[in-house]
């Protein structure tokens, strides 16, 4: 059981790394605004872009997580996602990298539809 109850909050190496880098970038950009310095603002924005890139690369390396709940044994942030190489369903980052997991409709699984009410 996690500190948030029986819920997977998605704490991952990719998420924490990207967040820490982005915080540094936002602080630098904020300092640039206080100092009225274009180069410092631009540097802060570059660090924020680096945070996005680092998070994406770590996600593709298996240190992120797919959308939705995970089994309880995979909740620890140090657990590597071994399915990342095939891509995650409906994941924009995986699609941008050319990895595309098959969705339920593509593999022939029945798609649940609501019954027509007349």
N, C-alpha and C. Protein backbone atom coordinates (compact mmCIF):
# COMPACT_ATOMS: atom_id res chain seq x y z
N UNK A 1 0.85 -1.17 0.00
CA UNK A 1 0.00 0.00 0.00
C UNK A 1 0.90 1.24 0.00
N UNK A 2 0.57 2.19 -0.83
CA UNK A 2 1.38 3.40 -0.92
C UNK A 2 0.90 4.44 0.09
N UNK A 3 1.59 5.55 0.15
CA UNK A 3 1.22 6.62 1.07
C UNK A 3 -0.10 7.27 0.67
N UNK A 4 -0.52 7.05 -0.57
CA UNK A 4 -1.76 7.64 -1.09
C UNK A 4 -2.91 6.64 -1.08
N UNK A 5 -2.81 5.58 -0.30
CA UNK A 5 -3.84 4.55 -0.30
C UNK A 5 -3.50 3.50 -1.34
N UNK A 6 -4.48 2.80 -1.77
CA UNK A 6 -4.27 1.72 -2.74
C UNK A 6 -4.38 2.27 -4.16
N UNK A 7 -3.55 3.26 -4.47
CA UNK A 7 -3.58 3.93 -5.77
C UNK A 7 -2.16 4.08 -6.29
N UNK A 8 -1.96 3.83 -7.58
CA UNK A 8 -0.67 4.02 -8.22
C UNK A 8 -0.58 5.47 -8.69
N UNK A 9 0.29 6.26 -8.08
CA UNK A 9 0.41 7.67 -8.44
C UNK A 9 1.37 7.90 -9.60
N UNK A 10 2.03 6.86 -10.09
CA UNK A 10 2.88 7.00 -11.26
C UNK A 10 4.24 7.61 -11.00
N UNK A 11 4.77 7.51 -9.80
CA UNK A 11 6.10 8.04 -9.52
C UNK A 11 7.12 7.19 -10.26
N UNK A 12 7.87 7.81 -11.18
CA UNK A 12 8.84 7.08 -11.98
C UNK A 12 10.14 7.86 -12.05
N UNK A 13 11.20 7.18 -12.46
CA UNK A 13 12.49 7.84 -12.65
C UNK A 13 12.35 8.94 -13.71
N UNK A 14 11.66 8.64 -14.80
CA UNK A 14 11.48 9.64 -15.86
C UNK A 14 10.71 10.86 -15.35
N UNK A 15 9.67 10.62 -14.59
CA UNK A 15 8.86 11.71 -14.06
C UNK A 15 9.62 12.60 -13.09
N UNK A 16 10.33 11.97 -12.16
CA UNK A 16 11.07 12.76 -11.17
C UNK A 16 12.24 13.50 -11.81
N UNK A 17 12.95 12.86 -12.72
CA UNK A 17 14.08 13.51 -13.38
C UNK A 17 13.61 14.72 -14.19
N UNK A 18 12.57 14.51 -14.98
CA UNK A 18 12.04 15.61 -15.78
C UNK A 18 11.53 16.75 -14.93
N UNK A 19 10.87 16.42 -13.83
CA UNK A 19 10.36 17.46 -12.93
C UNK A 19 11.49 18.27 -12.31
N UNK A 20 12.53 17.61 -11.84
CA UNK A 20 13.65 18.32 -11.22
C UNK A 20 14.35 19.23 -12.22
N UNK A 21 14.59 18.75 -13.45
CA UNK A 21 15.23 19.58 -14.46
C UNK A 21 14.32 20.77 -14.82
N UNK A 22 13.01 20.52 -14.94
CA UNK A 22 12.07 21.59 -15.29
C UNK A 22 12.00 22.65 -14.20
N UNK A 23 12.07 22.25 -12.94
CA UNK A 23 12.05 23.23 -11.84
C UNK A 23 13.26 24.15 -11.94
N UNK A 24 14.43 23.59 -12.24
CA UNK A 24 15.62 24.42 -12.41
C UNK A 24 15.42 25.39 -13.57
N UNK A 25 14.83 24.90 -14.67
CA UNK A 25 14.57 25.76 -15.83
C UNK A 25 13.60 26.87 -15.52
N UNK A 26 12.52 26.55 -14.80
CA UNK A 26 11.54 27.58 -14.43
C UNK A 26 12.17 28.61 -13.48
N UNK A 27 13.01 28.16 -12.55
CA UNK A 27 13.69 29.11 -11.66
C UNK A 27 14.61 30.03 -12.45
N UNK A 28 15.35 29.47 -13.40
CA UNK A 28 16.24 30.30 -14.22
C UNK A 28 15.44 31.29 -15.06
N UNK A 29 14.34 30.85 -15.66
CA UNK A 29 13.52 31.76 -16.46
C UNK A 29 12.90 32.84 -15.57
N UNK A 30 12.46 32.47 -14.38
CA UNK A 30 11.92 33.46 -13.44
C UNK A 30 12.97 34.47 -13.01
N UNK A 31 14.19 34.01 -12.76
CA UNK A 31 15.27 34.91 -12.42
C UNK A 31 15.55 35.86 -13.58
N UNK A 32 15.49 35.32 -14.79
CA UNK A 32 15.69 36.16 -15.96
C UNK A 32 14.63 37.24 -16.08
N UNK A 33 13.39 36.91 -15.69
CA UNK A 33 12.33 37.93 -15.73
C UNK A 33 12.58 39.00 -14.67
N UNK A 34 13.04 38.59 -13.50
CA UNK A 34 13.33 39.56 -12.44
C UNK A 34 14.48 40.48 -12.87
N UNK A 35 15.51 39.90 -13.49
CA UNK A 35 16.68 40.66 -13.92
C UNK A 35 16.45 41.37 -15.25
N UNK A 36 15.33 41.12 -15.90
CA UNK A 36 15.01 41.65 -17.23
C UNK A 36 16.17 41.31 -18.18
N UNK A 37 16.49 40.02 -18.22
CA UNK A 37 17.60 39.54 -19.04
C UNK A 37 17.11 38.49 -20.03
N UNK A 38 17.08 38.86 -21.28
CA UNK A 38 16.65 37.94 -22.33
C UNK A 38 17.47 36.66 -22.40
N UNK A 39 18.81 36.77 -22.33
CA UNK A 39 19.61 35.54 -22.39
C UNK A 39 19.33 34.57 -21.23
N UNK A 40 19.08 35.09 -20.04
CA UNK A 40 18.79 34.21 -18.90
C UNK A 40 17.42 33.56 -19.07
N UNK A 41 16.45 34.33 -19.58
CA UNK A 41 15.13 33.75 -19.87
C UNK A 41 15.26 32.65 -20.91
N UNK A 42 16.01 32.93 -21.98
CA UNK A 42 16.21 31.93 -23.04
C UNK A 42 16.91 30.69 -22.51
N UNK A 43 17.88 30.89 -21.61
CA UNK A 43 18.57 29.75 -21.00
C UNK A 43 17.62 28.91 -20.18
N UNK A 44 16.74 29.58 -19.42
CA UNK A 44 15.74 28.85 -18.63
C UNK A 44 14.80 28.06 -19.51
N UNK A 45 14.36 28.66 -20.62
CA UNK A 45 13.48 27.95 -21.55
C UNK A 45 14.20 26.77 -22.20
N UNK A 46 15.49 26.92 -22.47
CA UNK A 46 16.27 25.81 -23.03
C UNK A 46 16.36 24.65 -22.04
N UNK A 47 16.51 24.97 -20.76
CA UNK A 47 16.57 23.93 -19.73
C UNK A 47 15.21 23.22 -19.62
N UNK A 48 14.12 23.97 -19.77
CA UNK A 48 12.79 23.35 -19.75
C UNK A 48 12.64 22.40 -20.94
N UNK A 49 13.12 22.82 -22.12
CA UNK A 49 13.09 21.93 -23.29
C UNK A 49 13.93 20.68 -23.05
N UNK A 50 15.05 20.84 -22.37
CA UNK A 50 15.91 19.70 -22.01
C UNK A 50 15.16 18.74 -21.08
N UNK A 51 14.35 19.29 -20.18
CA UNK A 51 13.56 18.45 -19.26
C UNK A 51 12.57 17.59 -20.04
N UNK A 52 11.92 18.19 -21.03
CA UNK A 52 10.98 17.42 -21.86
C UNK A 52 11.71 16.30 -22.59
N UNK A 53 12.85 16.63 -23.18
CA UNK A 53 13.63 15.63 -23.92
C UNK A 53 14.13 14.52 -23.00
N UNK A 54 14.63 14.88 -21.82
CA UNK A 54 15.13 13.86 -20.88
C UNK A 54 14.00 12.94 -20.41
N UNK A 55 12.84 13.51 -20.13
CA UNK A 55 11.70 12.69 -19.71
C UNK A 55 11.29 11.73 -20.80
N UNK A 56 11.25 12.21 -22.03
CA UNK A 56 10.86 11.38 -23.17
C UNK A 56 11.85 10.23 -23.38
N UNK A 57 13.14 10.54 -23.36
CA UNK A 57 14.16 9.51 -23.56
C UNK A 57 14.10 8.47 -22.44
N UNK A 58 13.95 8.91 -21.20
CA UNK A 58 13.85 7.95 -20.09
C UNK A 58 12.58 7.11 -20.18
N UNK A 59 11.48 7.70 -20.64
CA UNK A 59 10.24 6.94 -20.83
C UNK A 59 10.45 5.85 -21.87
N UNK A 60 11.11 6.19 -22.97
CA UNK A 60 11.36 5.21 -24.03
C UNK A 60 12.33 4.12 -23.57
N UNK A 61 13.21 4.46 -22.63
CA UNK A 61 14.17 3.49 -22.10
C UNK A 61 13.55 2.57 -21.05
N UNK A 62 12.28 2.83 -20.71
CA UNK A 62 11.59 1.95 -19.77
C UNK A 62 11.50 2.50 -18.36
N UNK A 63 11.94 3.73 -18.14
CA UNK A 63 11.90 4.31 -16.80
C UNK A 63 10.68 5.19 -16.59
N UNK A 64 9.72 5.16 -17.51
CA UNK A 64 8.45 5.85 -17.35
C UNK A 64 7.37 4.85 -17.02
N UNK A 65 6.14 5.13 -17.39
CA UNK A 65 5.06 4.17 -17.18
C UNK A 65 3.99 4.41 -18.22
N UNK A 66 3.25 3.37 -18.56
CA UNK A 66 2.13 3.55 -19.48
C UNK A 66 0.96 4.23 -18.78
N UNK A 67 0.02 4.70 -19.54
CA UNK A 67 -1.18 5.30 -18.96
C UNK A 67 -1.99 4.24 -18.23
N UNK A 68 -2.71 4.66 -17.22
CA UNK A 68 -3.59 3.75 -16.50
C UNK A 68 -2.90 3.07 -15.33
N UNK A 69 -3.67 2.27 -14.61
CA UNK A 69 -3.14 1.61 -13.41
C UNK A 69 -2.15 0.50 -13.75
N UNK A 70 -1.20 0.27 -12.84
CA UNK A 70 -0.24 -0.82 -12.98
C UNK A 70 -0.46 -1.79 -11.84
N UNK A 71 0.01 -3.03 -11.99
CA UNK A 71 -0.07 -3.98 -10.88
C UNK A 71 0.72 -3.44 -9.68
N UNK A 72 0.30 -3.81 -8.48
CA UNK A 72 0.91 -3.29 -7.25
C UNK A 72 2.40 -3.57 -7.16
N UNK A 73 2.89 -4.68 -7.73
CA UNK A 73 4.32 -4.98 -7.65
C UNK A 73 5.16 -4.07 -8.54
N UNK A 74 4.53 -3.26 -9.38
CA UNK A 74 5.26 -2.34 -10.25
C UNK A 74 5.11 -0.88 -9.81
N UNK A 75 4.59 -0.63 -8.63
CA UNK A 75 4.36 0.73 -8.17
C UNK A 75 5.63 1.45 -7.74
N UNK A 76 6.64 0.71 -7.31
CA UNK A 76 7.87 1.35 -6.87
C UNK A 76 8.50 2.12 -8.03
N UNK A 77 9.01 3.30 -7.77
CA UNK A 77 9.55 4.15 -8.83
C UNK A 77 10.82 3.58 -9.44
N UNK A 78 11.44 2.59 -8.80
CA UNK A 78 12.67 1.98 -9.33
C UNK A 78 12.41 0.80 -10.24
N UNK A 79 11.14 0.46 -10.48
CA UNK A 79 10.80 -0.68 -11.33
C UNK A 79 10.80 -0.23 -12.78
N UNK A 80 11.58 -0.93 -13.60
CA UNK A 80 11.69 -0.60 -15.02
C UNK A 80 10.54 -1.25 -15.79
N UNK A 81 9.95 -0.51 -16.72
CA UNK A 81 8.85 -1.01 -17.54
C UNK A 81 9.43 -1.78 -18.73
N UNK A 82 9.35 -3.10 -18.69
CA UNK A 82 9.94 -3.93 -19.73
C UNK A 82 9.13 -3.93 -21.02
N UNK A 83 7.90 -3.46 -20.98
CA UNK A 83 7.06 -3.43 -22.17
C UNK A 83 7.26 -2.15 -22.99
N UNK A 84 8.14 -1.27 -22.55
CA UNK A 84 8.31 0.02 -23.22
C UNK A 84 8.88 -0.13 -24.63
N UNK A 85 9.63 -1.17 -24.88
CA UNK A 85 10.22 -1.35 -26.22
C UNK A 85 9.17 -1.55 -27.30
N UNK A 86 8.03 -2.15 -26.95
CA UNK A 86 6.95 -2.36 -27.91
C UNK A 86 6.06 -1.13 -28.03
N UNK A 87 6.15 -0.21 -27.10
CA UNK A 87 5.31 0.97 -27.09
C UNK A 87 4.08 0.74 -26.24
N UNK A 88 3.51 1.83 -25.75
CA UNK A 88 2.32 1.77 -24.92
C UNK A 88 1.11 2.19 -25.74
N UNK A 89 -0.03 1.54 -25.54
CA UNK A 89 -1.24 1.94 -26.27
C UNK A 89 -1.61 3.39 -25.96
N UNK A 90 -1.98 4.14 -26.98
CA UNK A 90 -2.43 5.54 -26.86
C UNK A 90 -1.38 6.45 -26.23
N UNK A 91 -0.10 6.16 -26.39
CA UNK A 91 0.98 6.97 -25.83
C UNK A 91 1.57 7.85 -26.94
N UNK A 92 1.45 9.16 -26.78
CA UNK A 92 1.95 10.09 -27.79
C UNK A 92 3.47 9.97 -27.92
N UNK A 93 4.17 9.86 -26.79
CA UNK A 93 5.63 9.74 -26.82
C UNK A 93 6.10 8.51 -27.55
N UNK A 94 5.43 7.39 -27.35
CA UNK A 94 5.80 6.15 -28.05
C UNK A 94 5.51 6.27 -29.55
N UNK A 95 4.38 6.90 -29.90
CA UNK A 95 4.07 7.09 -31.32
C UNK A 95 5.07 8.01 -31.98
N UNK A 96 5.52 9.05 -31.29
CA UNK A 96 6.51 9.96 -31.86
C UNK A 96 7.83 9.25 -32.11
N UNK A 97 8.13 8.23 -31.32
CA UNK A 97 9.37 7.47 -31.47
C UNK A 97 9.22 6.32 -32.46
N UNK A 98 8.03 6.17 -33.04
CA UNK A 98 7.81 5.09 -34.00
C UNK A 98 7.42 3.77 -33.35
N UNK A 99 7.14 3.81 -32.05
CA UNK A 99 6.70 2.60 -31.35
C UNK A 99 5.20 2.70 -31.20
N UNK A 100 4.52 1.66 -31.61
CA UNK A 100 3.06 1.70 -31.53
C UNK A 100 2.55 0.35 -31.08
N UNK A 101 2.00 0.29 -29.89
CA UNK A 101 1.42 -0.94 -29.37
C UNK A 101 0.05 -1.16 -29.99
N UNK A 102 -0.30 -2.39 -30.22
CA UNK A 102 -1.60 -2.72 -30.79
C UNK A 102 -2.70 -2.44 -29.78
N UNK A 103 -3.77 -1.81 -30.24
CA UNK A 103 -4.91 -1.55 -29.36
C UNK A 103 -5.83 -2.75 -29.40
N UNK A 104 -6.80 -2.80 -28.51
CA UNK A 104 -7.73 -3.93 -28.43
C UNK A 104 -8.49 -4.11 -29.74
N UNK A 105 -8.86 -3.02 -30.40
CA UNK A 105 -9.61 -3.12 -31.66
C UNK A 105 -8.76 -3.71 -32.77
N UNK A 106 -7.44 -3.44 -32.75
CA UNK A 106 -6.56 -3.93 -33.81
C UNK A 106 -6.24 -5.41 -33.68
N UNK A 107 -6.26 -5.95 -32.46
CA UNK A 107 -5.91 -7.36 -32.30
C UNK A 107 -7.13 -8.26 -32.29
N UNK A 108 -8.29 -7.69 -32.51
CA UNK A 108 -9.49 -8.50 -32.63
C UNK A 108 -10.24 -8.73 -31.34
N UNK A 109 -9.86 -8.08 -30.29
CA UNK A 109 -10.59 -8.23 -29.03
C UNK A 109 -11.93 -7.53 -29.16
N UNK A 110 -12.95 -8.07 -28.52
CA UNK A 110 -14.24 -7.42 -28.61
C UNK A 110 -14.22 -6.05 -27.94
N UNK A 111 -14.84 -5.10 -28.60
CA UNK A 111 -14.93 -3.76 -28.06
C UNK A 111 -16.28 -3.61 -27.40
N UNK A 112 -16.29 -3.22 -26.14
CA UNK A 112 -17.54 -3.08 -25.41
C UNK A 112 -18.29 -1.85 -25.91
N UNK A 113 -19.55 -2.06 -26.23
CA UNK A 113 -20.40 -0.96 -26.69
C UNK A 113 -21.65 -0.97 -25.83
N UNK A 114 -22.22 0.20 -25.65
CA UNK A 114 -23.46 0.25 -24.86
C UNK A 114 -24.61 -0.28 -25.70
N UNK A 115 -25.57 -0.87 -25.03
CA UNK A 115 -26.74 -1.42 -25.72
C UNK A 115 -27.65 -0.28 -26.16
N UNK A 116 -28.23 -0.47 -27.32
CA UNK A 116 -29.18 0.54 -27.81
C UNK A 116 -30.46 0.47 -27.00
N UNK A 117 -30.89 1.59 -26.50
CA UNK A 117 -32.11 1.66 -25.71
C UNK A 117 -33.21 2.25 -26.60
N UNK A 118 -34.34 1.52 -26.71
CA UNK A 118 -35.42 2.01 -27.56
C UNK A 118 -36.64 2.26 -26.75
